[in-house]
Amino acid sequence: MGLKQKLMSWFTGFFGGEYITKKGVDRQLLFIFFCFILISLYLVWGLWVEDRMAQINRNEKVIEELKIEFHEKDLRLTGLDQRTRIENMLISSGNTALHAPLDPPRRIVIE
């Protein structure tokens, strides 16, 4: 037998199933299938966990951006309480009818 025939015989025997029956692997086929299922589940579980961790990281970044935006808005609104800032905004908008009171506040006594 030549090398080419041996190789061809091994190739057809392996993919034809003769190798499995010769070595007695057909008795262990259920166990091999079980191991294949376990390995597949392990890989799928690992990918699922990795996907969830990536989603958690993305959500943490979004939350951090929203916190920054909230603090910026909070500072902006806190700054609106300042009298000079409000007066400057009124002047820049062209509204001259509104101005700070000229007289000090008076107490109204009701009898």
PDB file of N, CA and C in Angstrom:
ATOM      1  N   MET A   1       0.840  -1.182   0.000  1.00  0.00           N
ATOM      2  CA  MET A   1       0.000   0.000   0.000  1.00  0.00           C
ATOM      3  C   MET A   1       0.876   1.232   0.000  1.00  0.00           C
ATOM      4  N   GLY A   2       0.484   2.140  -0.847  1.00  0.00           N
ATOM      5  CA  GLY A   2       1.252   3.367  -0.925  1.00  0.00           C
ATOM      6  C   GLY A   2       0.770   4.373   0.115  1.00  0.00           C
ATOM      7  N   LEU A   3       1.556   5.410   0.254  1.00  0.00           N
ATOM      8  CA  LEU A   3       1.232   6.458   1.226  1.00  0.00           C
ATOM      9  C   LEU A   3      -0.087   7.140   0.871  1.00  0.00           C
ATOM     10  N   LYS A   4      -0.283   7.313  -0.426  1.00  0.00           N
ATOM     11  CA  LYS A   4      -1.516   7.968  -0.872  1.00  0.00           C
ATOM     12  C   LYS A   4      -2.735   7.119  -0.522  1.00  0.00           C
ATOM     13  N   GLN A   5      -2.625   5.813  -0.681  1.00  0.00           N
ATOM     14  CA  GLN A   5      -3.753   4.924  -0.362  1.00  0.00           C
ATOM     15  C   GLN A   5      -4.008   4.878   1.144  1.00  0.00           C
ATOM     16  N   LYS A   6      -2.928   4.865   1.946  1.00  0.00           N
ATOM     17  CA  LYS A   6      -3.088   4.865   3.403  1.00  0.00           C
ATOM     18  C   LYS A   6      -3.773   6.145   3.874  1.00  0.00           C
ATOM     19  N   LEU A   7      -3.312   7.239   3.315  1.00  0.00           N
ATOM     20  CA  LEU A   7      -3.900   8.521   3.687  1.00  0.00           C
ATOM     21  C   LEU A   7      -5.362   8.588   3.281  1.00  0.00           C
ATOM     22  N   MET A   8      -5.657   8.104   2.076  1.00  0.00           N
ATOM     23  CA  MET A   8      -7.036   8.105   1.600  1.00  0.00           C
ATOM     24  C   MET A   8      -7.903   7.158   2.438  1.00  0.00           C
ATOM     25  N   SER A   9      -7.326   6.002   2.812  1.00  0.00           N
ATOM     26  CA  SER A   9      -8.054   5.039   3.631  1.00  0.00           C
ATOM     27  C   SER A   9      -8.345   5.630   5.012  1.00  0.00           C
ATOM     28  N   TRP A  10      -7.350   6.283   5.604  1.00  0.00           N
ATOM     29  CA  TRP A  10      -7.556   6.904   6.920  1.00  0.00           C
ATOM     30  C   TRP A  10      -8.592   8.019   6.834  1.00  0.00           C
ATOM     31  N   PHE A  11      -8.500   8.826   5.776  1.00  0.00           N
ATOM     32  CA  PHE A  11      -9.422   9.945   5.588  1.00  0.00           C
ATOM     33  C   PHE A  11     -10.855   9.457   5.447  1.00  0.00           C
ATOM     34  N   THR A  12     -11.074   8.472   4.610  1.00  0.00           N
ATOM     35  CA  THR A  12     -12.441   7.947   4.426  1.00  0.00           C
ATOM     36  C   THR A  12     -12.907   7.206   5.671  1.00  0.00           C
ATOM     37  N   GLY A  13     -12.003   6.535   6.353  1.00  0.00           N
ATOM     38  CA  GLY A  13     -12.372   5.824   7.572  1.00  0.00           C
ATOM     39  C   GLY A  13     -12.751   6.786   8.693  1.00  0.00           C
ATOM     40  N   PHE A  14     -12.015   7.872   8.805  1.00  0.00           N
ATOM     41  CA  PHE A  14     -12.288   8.848   9.857  1.00  0.00           C
ATOM     42  C   PHE A  14     -13.621   9.538   9.624  1.00  0.00           C
ATOM     43  N   PHE A  15     -13.822  10.035   8.399  1.00  0.00           N
ATOM     44  CA  PHE A  15     -15.059  10.770   8.125  1.00  0.00           C
ATOM     45  C   PHE A  15     -16.230   9.860   7.789  1.00  0.00           C
ATOM     46  N   GLY A  16     -15.956   8.607   7.507  1.00  0.00           N
ATOM     47  CA  GLY A  16     -17.033   7.664   7.239  1.00  0.00           C
ATOM     48  C   GLY A  16     -17.595   7.043   8.508  1.00  0.00           C
ATOM     49  N   GLY A  17     -16.862   7.148   9.618  1.00  0.00           N
ATOM     50  CA  GLY A  17     -17.365   6.632  10.872  1.00  0.00           C
ATOM     51  C   GLY A  17     -16.735   5.324  11.292  1.00  0.00           C
ATOM     52  N   GLU A  18     -15.874   4.712  10.449  1.00  0.00           N
ATOM     53  CA  GLU A  18     -15.224   3.457  10.813  1.00  0.00           C
ATOM     54  C   GLU A  18     -14.273   3.649  11.993  1.00  0.00           C
ATOM     55  N   TYR A  19     -13.639   4.768  12.062  1.00  0.00           N
ATOM     56  CA  TYR A  19     -12.702   5.062  13.151  1.00  0.00           C
ATOM     57  C   TYR A  19     -13.425   5.061  14.495  1.00  0.00           C
ATOM     58  N   ILE A  20     -14.638   5.573  14.504  1.00  0.00           N
ATOM     59  CA  ILE A  20     -15.415   5.632  15.743  1.00  0.00           C
ATOM     60  C   ILE A  20     -15.778   4.233  16.212  1.00  0.00           C
ATOM     61  N   THR A  21     -16.203   3.376  15.310  1.00  0.00           N
ATOM     62  CA  THR A  21     -16.602   2.027  15.719  1.00  0.00           C
ATOM     63  C   THR A  21     -15.399   1.154  16.037  1.00  0.00           C
ATOM     64  N   LYS A  22     -14.264   1.345  15.362  1.00  0.00           N
ATOM     65  CA  LYS A  22     -13.062   0.568  15.631  1.00  0.00           C
ATOM     66  C   LYS A  22     -12.520   0.824  17.025  1.00  0.00           C
ATOM     67  N   LYS A  23     -12.509   2.068  17.423  1.00  0.00           N
ATOM     68  CA  LYS A  23     -11.936   2.440  18.716  1.00  0.00           C
ATOM     69  C   LYS A  23     -12.948   2.331  19.860  1.00  0.00           C
ATOM     70  N   GLY A  24     -14.180   2.026  19.578  1.00  0.00           N
ATOM     71  CA  GLY A  24     -15.189   1.874  20.626  1.00  0.00           C
ATOM     72  C   GLY A  24     -15.720   3.205  21.133  1.00  0.00           C
ATOM     73  N   VAL A  25     -15.580   4.228  20.341  1.00  0.00           N
ATOM     74  CA  VAL A  25     -16.033   5.553  20.744  1.00  0.00           C
ATOM     75  C   VAL A  25     -17.548   5.643  20.689  1.00  0.00           C
ATOM     76  N   ASP A  26     -18.183   4.775  19.921  1.00  0.00           N
ATOM     77  CA  ASP A  26     -19.640   4.843  19.796  1.00  0.00           C
ATOM     78  C   ASP A  26     -20.328   4.572  21.131  1.00  0.00           C
ATOM     79  N   ARG A  27     -19.664   3.841  22.041  1.00  0.00           N
ATOM     80  CA  ARG A  27     -20.244   3.594  23.356  1.00  0.00           C
ATOM     81  C   ARG A  27     -20.199   4.863  24.232  1.00  0.00           C
ATOM     82  N   GLN A  28     -19.254   5.731  23.957  1.00  0.00           N
ATOM     83  CA  GLN A  28     -19.085   6.957  24.744  1.00  0.00           C
ATOM     84  C   GLN A  28     -19.708   8.183  24.060  1.00  0.00           C
ATOM     85  N   LEU A  29     -20.462   7.966  22.992  1.00  0.00           N
ATOM     86  CA  LEU A  29     -20.998   9.075  22.208  1.00  0.00           C
ATOM     87  C   LEU A  29     -21.918   9.975  23.036  1.00  0.00           C
ATOM     88  N   LEU A  30     -22.712   9.404  23.926  1.00  0.00           N
ATOM     89  CA  LEU A  30     -23.611  10.197  24.761  1.00  0.00           C
ATOM     90  C   LEU A  30     -22.807  11.111  25.698  1.00  0.00           C
ATOM     91  N   PHE A  31     -21.717  10.572  26.271  1.00  0.00           N
ATOM     92  CA  PHE A  31     -20.869  11.365  27.146  1.00  0.00           C
ATOM     93  C   PHE A  31     -20.177  12.488  26.362  1.00  0.00           C
ATOM     94  N   ILE A  32     -19.719  12.192  25.169  1.00  0.00           N
ATOM     95  CA  ILE A  32     -19.089  13.220  24.330  1.00  0.00           C
ATOM     96  C   ILE A  32     -20.096  14.308  23.990  1.00  0.00           C
ATOM     97  N   PHE A  33     -21.304  13.927  23.665  1.00  0.00           N
ATOM     98  CA  PHE A  33     -22.343  14.908  23.367  1.00  0.00           C
ATOM     99  C   PHE A  33     -22.639  15.763  24.601  1.00  0.00           C
ATOM    100  N   PHE A  34     -22.681  15.127  25.776  1.00  0.00           N
ATOM    101  CA  PHE A  34     -22.906  15.855  27.023  1.00  0.00           C
ATOM    102  C   PHE A  34     -21.782  16.871  27.280  1.00  0.00           C
ATOM    103  N   CYS A  35     -20.538  16.454  27.065  1.00  0.00           N
ATOM    104  CA  CYS A  35     -19.398  17.371  27.228  1.00  0.00           C
ATOM    105  C   CYS A  35     -19.484  18.525  26.240  1.00  0.00           C
ATOM    106  N   PHE A  36     -19.888  18.243  25.013  1.00  0.00           N
ATOM    107  CA  PHE A  36     -20.043  19.292  24.003  1.00  0.00           C
ATOM    108  C   PHE A  36     -21.098  20.310  24.441  1.00  0.00           C
ATOM    109  N   ILE A  37     -22.211  19.827  24.975  1.00  0.00           N
ATOM    110  CA  ILE A  37     -23.266  20.725  25.460  1.00  0.00           C
ATOM    111  C   ILE A  37     -22.758  21.581  26.615  1.00  0.00           C
ATOM    112  N   LEU A  38     -22.038  20.964  27.559  1.00  0.00           N
ATOM    113  CA  LEU A  38     -21.498  21.724  28.698  1.00  0.00           C
ATOM    114  C   LEU A  38     -20.518  22.804  28.243  1.00  0.00           C
ATOM    115  N   ILE A  39     -19.635  22.463  27.327  1.00  0.00           N
ATOM    116  CA  ILE A  39     -18.675  23.450  26.820  1.00  0.00           C
ATOM    117  C   ILE A  39     -19.393  24.570  26.093  1.00  0.00           C
ATOM    118  N   SER A  40     -20.398  24.221  25.305  1.00  0.00           N
ATOM    119  CA  SER A  40     -21.177  25.243  24.592  1.00  0.00           C
ATOM    120  C   SER A  40     -21.881  26.174  25.567  1.00  0.00           C
ATOM    121  N   LEU A  41     -22.483  25.610  26.611  1.00  0.00           N
ATOM    122  CA  LEU A  41     -23.154  26.434  27.620  1.00  0.00           C
ATOM    123  C   LEU A  41     -22.161  27.336  28.347  1.00  0.00           C
ATOM    124  N   TYR A  42     -20.978  26.834  28.629  1.00  0.00           N
ATOM    125  CA  TYR A  42     -19.946  27.634  29.287  1.00  0.00           C
ATOM    126  C   TYR A  42     -19.554  28.831  28.418  1.00  0.00           C
ATOM    127  N   LEU A  43     -19.372  28.595  27.129  1.00  0.00           N
ATOM    128  CA  LEU A  43     -19.012  29.681  26.214  1.00  0.00           C
ATOM    129  C   LEU A  43     -20.129  30.708  26.088  1.00  0.00           C
ATOM    130  N   VAL A  44     -21.361  30.241  25.963  1.00  0.00           N
ATOM    131  CA  VAL A  44     -22.500  31.154  25.844  1.00  0.00           C
ATOM    132  C   VAL A  44     -22.662  31.961  27.126  1.00  0.00           C
ATOM    133  N   TRP A  45     -22.501  31.322  28.270  1.00  0.00           N
ATOM    134  CA  TRP A  45     -22.606  32.024  29.558  1.00  0.00           C
ATOM    135  C   TRP A  45     -21.526  33.102  29.664  1.00  0.00           C
ATOM    136  N   GLY A  46     -20.301  32.771  29.289  1.00  0.00           N
ATOM    137  CA  GLY A  46     -19.206  33.735  29.333  1.00  0.00           C
ATOM    138  C   GLY A  46     -19.477  34.933  28.439  1.00  0.00           C
ATOM    139  N   LEU A  47     -19.976  34.697  27.241  1.00  0.00           N
ATOM    140  CA  LEU A  47     -20.300  35.794  26.329  1.00  0.00           C
ATOM    141  C   LEU A  47     -21.444  36.643  26.868  1.00  0.00           C
ATOM    142  N   TRP A  48     -22.424  35.998  27.475  1.00  0.00           N
ATOM    143  CA  TRP A  48     -23.567  36.740  28.023  1.00  0.00           C
ATOM    144  C   TRP A  48     -23.118  37.634  29.174  1.00  0.00           C
ATOM    145  N   VAL A  49     -22.293  37.088  30.064  1.00  0.00           N
ATOM    146  CA  VAL A  49     -21.797  37.871  31.203  1.00  0.00           C
ATOM    147  C   VAL A  49     -20.949  39.037  30.705  1.00  0.00           C
ATOM    148  N   GLU A  50     -20.111  38.798  29.716  1.00  0.00           N
ATOM    149  CA  GLU A  50     -19.276  39.866  29.172  1.00  0.00           C
ATOM    150  C   GLU A  50     -20.131  40.967  28.551  1.00  0.00           C
ATOM    151  N   ASP A  51     -21.194  40.577  27.867  1.00  0.00           N
ATOM    152  CA  ASP A  51     -22.098  41.561  27.273  1.00  0.00           C
ATOM    153  C   ASP A  51     -22.779  42.391  28.354  1.00  0.00           C
ATOM    154  N   ARG A  52     -23.217  41.749  29.422  1.00  0.00           N
ATOM    155  CA  ARG A  52     -23.861  42.476  30.532  1.00  0.00           C
ATOM    156  C   ARG A  52     -22.882  43.437  31.195  1.00  0.00           C
ATOM    157  N   MET A  53     -21.640  43.011  31.387  1.00  0.00           N
ATOM    158  CA  MET A  53     -20.638  43.879  32.007  1.00  0.00           C
ATOM    159  C   MET A  53     -20.359  45.097  31.117  1.00  0.00           C
ATOM    160  N   ALA A  54     -20.312  44.888  29.802  1.00  0.00           N
ATOM    161  CA  ALA A  54     -20.113  46.009  28.883  1.00  0.00           C
ATOM    162  C   ALA A  54     -21.303  46.961  28.953  1.00  0.00           C
ATOM    163  N   GLN A  55     -22.509  46.417  29.064  1.00  0.00           N
ATOM    164  CA  GLN A  55     -23.702  47.257  29.179  1.00  0.00           C
ATOM    165  C   GLN A  55     -23.682  48.041  30.485  1.00  0.00           C
ATOM    166  N   ILE A  56     -23.241  47.429  31.571  1.00  0.00           N
ATOM    167  CA  ILE A  56     -23.146  48.126  32.857  1.00  0.00           C
ATOM    168  C   ILE A  56     -22.150  49.272  32.755  1.00  0.00           C
ATOM    169  N   ASN A  57     -21.015  49.039  32.108  1.00  0.00           N
ATOM    170  CA  ASN A  57     -20.018  50.102  31.943  1.00  0.00           C
ATOM    171  C   ASN A  57     -20.569  51.253  31.108  1.00  0.00           C
ATOM    172  N   ARG A  58     -21.307  50.930  30.041  1.00  0.00           N
ATOM    173  CA  ARG A  58     -21.915  51.985  29.217  1.00  0.00           C
ATOM    174  C   ARG A  58     -22.929  52.775  30.037  1.00  0.00           C
ATOM    175  N   ASN A  59     -23.737  52.081  30.835  1.00  0.00           N
ATOM    176  CA  ASN A  59     -24.736  52.763  31.660  1.00  0.00           C
ATOM    177  C   ASN A  59     -24.081  53.641  32.719  1.00  0.00           C
ATOM    178  N   GLU A  60     -22.967  53.193  33.294  1.00  0.00           N
ATOM    179  CA  GLU A  60     -22.264  54.009  34.283  1.00  0.00           C
ATOM    180  C   GLU A  60     -21.738  55.293  33.658  1.00  0.00           C
ATOM    181  N   LYS A  61     -21.239  55.198  32.418  1.00  0.00           N
ATOM    182  CA  LYS A  61     -20.756  56.395  31.722  1.00  0.00           C
ATOM    183  C   LYS A  61     -21.906  57.367  31.456  1.00  0.00           C
ATOM    184  N   VAL A  62     -23.055  56.837  31.048  1.00  0.00           N
ATOM    185  CA  VAL A  62     -24.221  57.691  30.791  1.00  0.00           C
ATOM    186  C   VAL A  62     -24.684  58.353  32.087  1.00  0.00           C
ATOM    187  N   ILE A  63     -24.707  57.590  33.175  1.00  0.00           N
ATOM    188  CA  ILE A  63     -25.116  58.149  34.471  1.00  0.00           C
ATOM    189  C   ILE A  63     -24.165  59.253  34.888  1.00  0.00           C
ATOM    190  N   GLU A  64     -22.869  59.045  34.675  1.00  0.00           N
ATOM    191  CA  GLU A  64     -21.878  60.069  35.035  1.00  0.00           C
ATOM    192  C   GLU A  64     -22.091  61.339  34.223  1.00  0.00           C
ATOM    193  N   GLU A  65     -22.377  61.184  32.923  1.00  0.00           N
ATOM    194  CA  GLU A  65     -22.649  62.358  32.077  1.00  0.00           C
ATOM    195  C   GLU A  65     -23.911  63.082  32.543  1.00  0.00           C
ATOM    196  N   LEU A  66     -24.932  62.327  32.922  1.00  0.00           N
ATOM    197  CA  LEU A  66     -26.171  62.946  33.394  1.00  0.00           C
ATOM    198  C   LEU A  66     -25.951  63.667  34.716  1.00  0.00           C
ATOM    199  N   LYS A  67     -25.109  63.109  35.589  1.00  0.00           N
ATOM    200  CA  LYS A  67     -24.802  63.792  36.843  1.00  0.00           C
ATOM    201  C   LYS A  67     -24.091  65.119  36.575  1.00  0.00           C
ATOM    202  N   ILE A  68     -23.149  65.095  35.651  1.00  0.00           N
ATOM    203  CA  ILE A  68     -22.431  66.327  35.301  1.00  0.00           C
ATOM    204  C   ILE A  68     -23.402  67.360  34.746  1.00  0.00           C
ATOM    205  N   GLU A  69     -24.282  66.916  33.855  1.00  0.00           N
ATOM    206  CA  GLU A  69     -25.271  67.839  33.281  1.00  0.00           C
ATOM    207  C   GLU A  69     -26.191  68.396  34.367  1.00  0.00           C
ATOM    208  N   PHE A  70     -26.604  67.559  35.311  1.00  0.00           N
ATOM    209  CA  PHE A  70     -27.463  68.002  36.399  1.00  0.00           C
ATOM    210  C   PHE A  70     -26.769  69.067  37.239  1.00  0.00           C
ATOM    211  N   HIS A  71     -25.507  68.820  37.572  1.00  0.00           N
ATOM    212  CA  HIS A  71     -24.782  69.782  38.401  1.00  0.00           C
ATOM    213  C   HIS A  71     -24.571  71.103  37.657  1.00  0.00           C
ATOM    214  N   GLU A  72     -24.345  71.030  36.348  1.00  0.00           N
ATOM    215  CA  GLU A  72     -24.207  72.263  35.565  1.00  0.00           C
ATOM    216  C   GLU A  72     -25.514  73.056  35.587  1.00  0.00           C
ATOM    217  N   LYS A  73     -26.633  72.388  35.395  1.00  0.00           N
ATOM    218  CA  LYS A  73     -27.931  73.071  35.422  1.00  0.00           C
ATOM    219  C   LYS A  73     -28.219  73.621  36.816  1.00  0.00           C
ATOM    220  N   ASP A  74     -27.860  72.850  37.837  1.00  0.00           N
ATOM    221  CA  ASP A  74     -28.077  73.302  39.208  1.00  0.00           C
ATOM    222  C   ASP A  74     -27.260  74.564  39.488  1.00  0.00           C
ATOM    223  N   LEU A  75     -26.025  74.572  39.054  1.00  0.00           N
ATOM    224  CA  LEU A  75     -25.197  75.766  39.254  1.00  0.00           C
ATOM    225  C   LEU A  75     -25.742  76.957  38.472  1.00  0.00           C
ATOM    226  N   ARG A  76     -26.215  76.694  37.275  1.00  0.00           N
ATOM    227  CA  ARG A  76     -26.774  77.778  36.466  1.00  0.00           C
ATOM    228  C   ARG A  76     -28.019  78.361  37.140  1.00  0.00           C
ATOM    229  N   LEU A  77     -28.888  77.486  37.661  1.00  0.00           N
ATOM    230  CA  LEU A  77     -30.102  77.974  38.331  1.00  0.00           C
ATOM    231  C   LEU A  77     -29.779  78.660  39.648  1.00  0.00           C
ATOM    232  N   THR A  78     -28.781  78.181  40.351  1.00  0.00           N
ATOM    233  CA  THR A  78     -28.373  78.837  41.589  1.00  0.00           C
ATOM    234  C   THR A  78     -27.825  80.219  41.291  1.00  0.00           C
ATOM    235  N   GLY A  79     -27.122  80.346  40.192  1.00  0.00           N
ATOM    236  CA  GLY A  79     -26.585  81.639  39.791  1.00  0.00           C
ATOM    237  C   GLY A  79     -27.673  82.628  39.407  1.00  0.00           C
ATOM    238  N   LEU A  80     -28.836  82.140  39.015  1.00  0.00           N
ATOM    239  CA  LEU A  80     -29.926  83.047  38.647  1.00  0.00           C
ATOM    240  C   LEU A  80     -30.480  83.787  39.855  1.00  0.00           C
ATOM    241  N   ASP A  81     -30.211  83.285  41.038  1.00  0.00           N
ATOM    242  CA  ASP A  81     -30.693  83.951  42.246  1.00  0.00           C
ATOM    243  C   ASP A  81     -29.961  85.266  42.506  1.00  0.00           C
ATOM    244  N   GLN A  82     -28.868  85.462  41.900  1.00  0.00           N
ATOM    245  CA  GLN A  82     -28.102  86.674  42.151  1.00  0.00           C
ATOM    246  C   GLN A  82     -28.772  87.857  41.458  1.00  0.00           C
ATOM    247  N   ARG A  83     -28.917  88.906  42.201  1.00  0.00           N
ATOM    248  CA  ARG A  83     -29.647  90.081  41.719  1.00  0.00           C
ATOM    249  C   ARG A  83     -28.954  90.724  40.515  1.00  0.00           C
ATOM    250  N   THR A  84     -27.667  90.864  40.578  1.00  0.00           N
ATOM    251  CA  THR A  84     -26.964  91.522  39.476  1.00  0.00           C
ATOM    252  C   THR A  84     -27.066  90.712  38.200  1.00  0.00           C
ATOM    253  N   ARG A  85     -27.008  89.426  38.324  1.00  0.00           N
ATOM    254  CA  ARG A  85     -27.109  88.582  37.132  1.00  0.00           C
ATOM    255  C   ARG A  85     -28.488  88.747  36.490  1.00  0.00           C
ATOM    256  N   ILE A  86     -29.515  88.794  37.306  1.00  0.00           N
ATOM    257  CA  ILE A  86     -30.872  88.965  36.771  1.00  0.00           C
ATOM    258  C   ILE A  86     -31.015  90.328  36.119  1.00  0.00           C
ATOM    259  N   GLU A  87     -30.477  91.352  36.750  1.00  0.00           N
ATOM    260  CA  GLU A  87     -30.553  92.694  36.151  1.00  0.00           C
ATOM    261  C   GLU A  87     -29.809  92.734  34.830  1.00  0.00           C
ATOM    262  N   ASN A  88     -28.673  92.104  34.759  1.00  0.00           N
ATOM    263  CA  ASN A  88     -27.922  92.051  33.505  1.00  0.00           C
ATOM    264  C   ASN A  88     -28.699  91.309  32.423  1.00  0.00           C
ATOM    265  N   MET A  89     -29.380  90.236  32.814  1.00  0.00           N
ATOM    266  CA  MET A  89     -30.191  89.500  31.840  1.00  0.00           C
ATOM    267  C   MET A  89     -31.348  90.358  31.347  1.00  0.00           C
ATOM    268  N   LEU A  90     -31.955  91.141  32.234  1.00  0.00           N
ATOM    269  CA  LEU A  90     -33.053  92.020  31.820  1.00  0.00           C
ATOM    270  C   LEU A  90     -32.552  93.093  30.866  1.00  0.00           C
ATOM    271  N   ILE A  91     -31.403  93.654  31.165  1.00  0.00           N
ATOM    272  CA  ILE A  91     -30.850  94.699  30.288  1.00  0.00           C
ATOM    273  C   ILE A  91     -30.482  94.108  28.933  1.00  0.00           C
ATOM    274  N   SER A  92     -29.878  92.923  28.928  1.00  0.00           N
ATOM    275  CA  SER A  92     -29.465  92.313  27.654  1.00  0.00           C
ATOM    276  C   SER A  92     -30.668  91.898  26.814  1.00  0.00           C
ATOM    277  N   SER A  93     -31.800  91.593  27.450  1.00  0.00           N
ATOM    278  CA  SER A  93     -32.979  91.209  26.678  1.00  0.00           C
ATOM    279  C   SER A  93     -33.751  92.437  26.186  1.00  0.00           C
ATOM    280  N   GLY A  94     -33.362  93.622  26.649  1.00  0.00           N
ATOM    281  CA  GLY A  94     -34.012  94.845  26.183  1.00  0.00           C
ATOM    282  C   GLY A  94     -35.252  95.191  26.969  1.00  0.00           C
ATOM    283  N   ASN A  95     -35.492  94.557  28.056  1.00  0.00           N
ATOM    284  CA  ASN A  95     -36.669  94.830  28.868  1.00  0.00           C
ATOM    285  C   ASN A  95     -36.288  95.879  29.915  1.00  0.00           C
ATOM    286  N   THR A  96     -36.658  97.128  29.664  1.00  0.00           N
ATOM    287  CA  THR A  96     -36.297  98.214  30.583  1.00  0.00           C
ATOM    288  C   THR A  96     -37.436  98.565  31.526  1.00  0.00           C
ATOM    289  N   ALA A  97     -38.584  97.964  31.365  1.00  0.00           N
ATOM    290  CA  ALA A  97     -39.723  98.282  32.228  1.00  0.00           C
ATOM    291  C   ALA A  97     -39.517  97.704  33.634  1.00  0.00           C
ATOM    292  N   LEU A  98     -38.795  96.617  33.735  1.00  0.00           N
ATOM    293  CA  LEU A  98     -38.541  96.017  35.037  1.00  0.00           C
ATOM    294  C   LEU A  98     -37.224  96.538  35.591  1.00  0.00           C
ATOM    295  N   HIS A  99     -37.240  96.898  36.860  1.00  0.00           N
ATOM    296  CA  HIS A  99     -36.015  97.359  37.517  1.00  0.00           C
ATOM    297  C   HIS A  99     -36.133  97.087  39.007  1.00  0.00           C
ATOM    298  N   ALA A 100     -35.028  97.268  39.688  1.00  0.00           N
ATOM    299  CA  ALA A 100     -35.014  97.044  41.134  1.00  0.00           C
ATOM    300  C   ALA A 100     -35.842  98.125  41.814  1.00  0.00           C
ATOM    301  N   PRO A 101     -36.453  97.855  42.972  1.00  0.00           N
ATOM    302  CA  PRO A 101     -37.258  98.876  43.664  1.00  0.00           C
ATOM    303  C   PRO A 101     -36.375 100.044  44.127  1.00  0.00           C
ATOM    304  N   LEU A 102     -36.944 101.257  44.024  1.00  0.00           N
ATOM    305  CA  LEU A 102     -36.197 102.449  44.404  1.00  0.00           C
ATOM    306  C   LEU A 102     -36.394 102.788  45.877  1.00  0.00           C
ATOM    307  N   ASP A 103     -37.603 102.598  46.400  1.00  0.00           N
ATOM    308  CA  ASP A 103     -37.895 102.903  47.800  1.00  0.00           C
ATOM    309  C   ASP A 103     -37.662 101.658  48.655  1.00  0.00           C
ATOM    310  N   PRO A 104     -37.263 101.871  49.900  1.00  0.00           N
ATOM    311  CA  PRO A 104     -37.128 100.703  50.784  1.00  0.00           C
ATOM    312  C   PRO A 104     -38.503 100.135  51.105  1.00  0.00           C
ATOM    313  N   PRO A 105     -38.575  98.913  51.501  1.00  0.00           N
ATOM    314  CA  PRO A 105     -39.864  98.302  51.814  1.00  0.00           C
ATOM    315  C   PRO A 105     -40.516  98.964  53.026  1.00  0.00           C
ATOM    316  N   ARG A 106     -41.879  99.077  52.984  1.00  0.00           N
ATOM    317  CA  ARG A 106     -42.638  99.661  54.092  1.00  0.00           C
ATOM    318  C   ARG A 106     -43.523  98.604  54.696  1.00  0.00           C
ATOM    319  N   ARG A 107     -43.812  98.800  55.967  1.00  0.00           N
ATOM    320  CA  ARG A 107     -44.699  97.876  56.662  1.00  0.00           C
ATOM    321  C   ARG A 107     -46.119  98.417  56.582  1.00  0.00           C
ATOM    322  N   ILE A 108     -47.038  97.594  56.204  1.00  0.00           N
ATOM    323  CA  ILE A 108     -48.455  97.977  56.129  1.00  0.00           C
ATOM    324  C   ILE A 108     -49.126  97.458  57.374  1.00  0.00           C
ATOM    325  N   VAL A 109     -49.726  98.365  58.115  1.00  0.00           N
ATOM    326  CA  VAL A 109     -50.412  97.989  59.354  1.00  0.00           C
ATOM    327  C   VAL A 109     -51.903  97.985  59.093  1.00  0.00           C
ATOM    328  N   ILE A 110     -52.527  96.887  59.338  1.00  0.00           N
ATOM    329  CA  ILE A 110     -53.977  96.776  59.152  1.00  0.00           C
ATOM    330  C   ILE A 110     -54.619  96.725  60.532  1.00  0.00           C
ATOM    331  N   GLU A 111     -55.615  97.624  60.747  1.00  0.00           N
ATOM    332  CA  GLU A 111     -56.283  97.690  62.056  1.00  0.00           C
ATOM    333  C   GLU A 111     -57.599  96.952  62.037  1.00  0.00           C
TER     334      GLU A 111
END
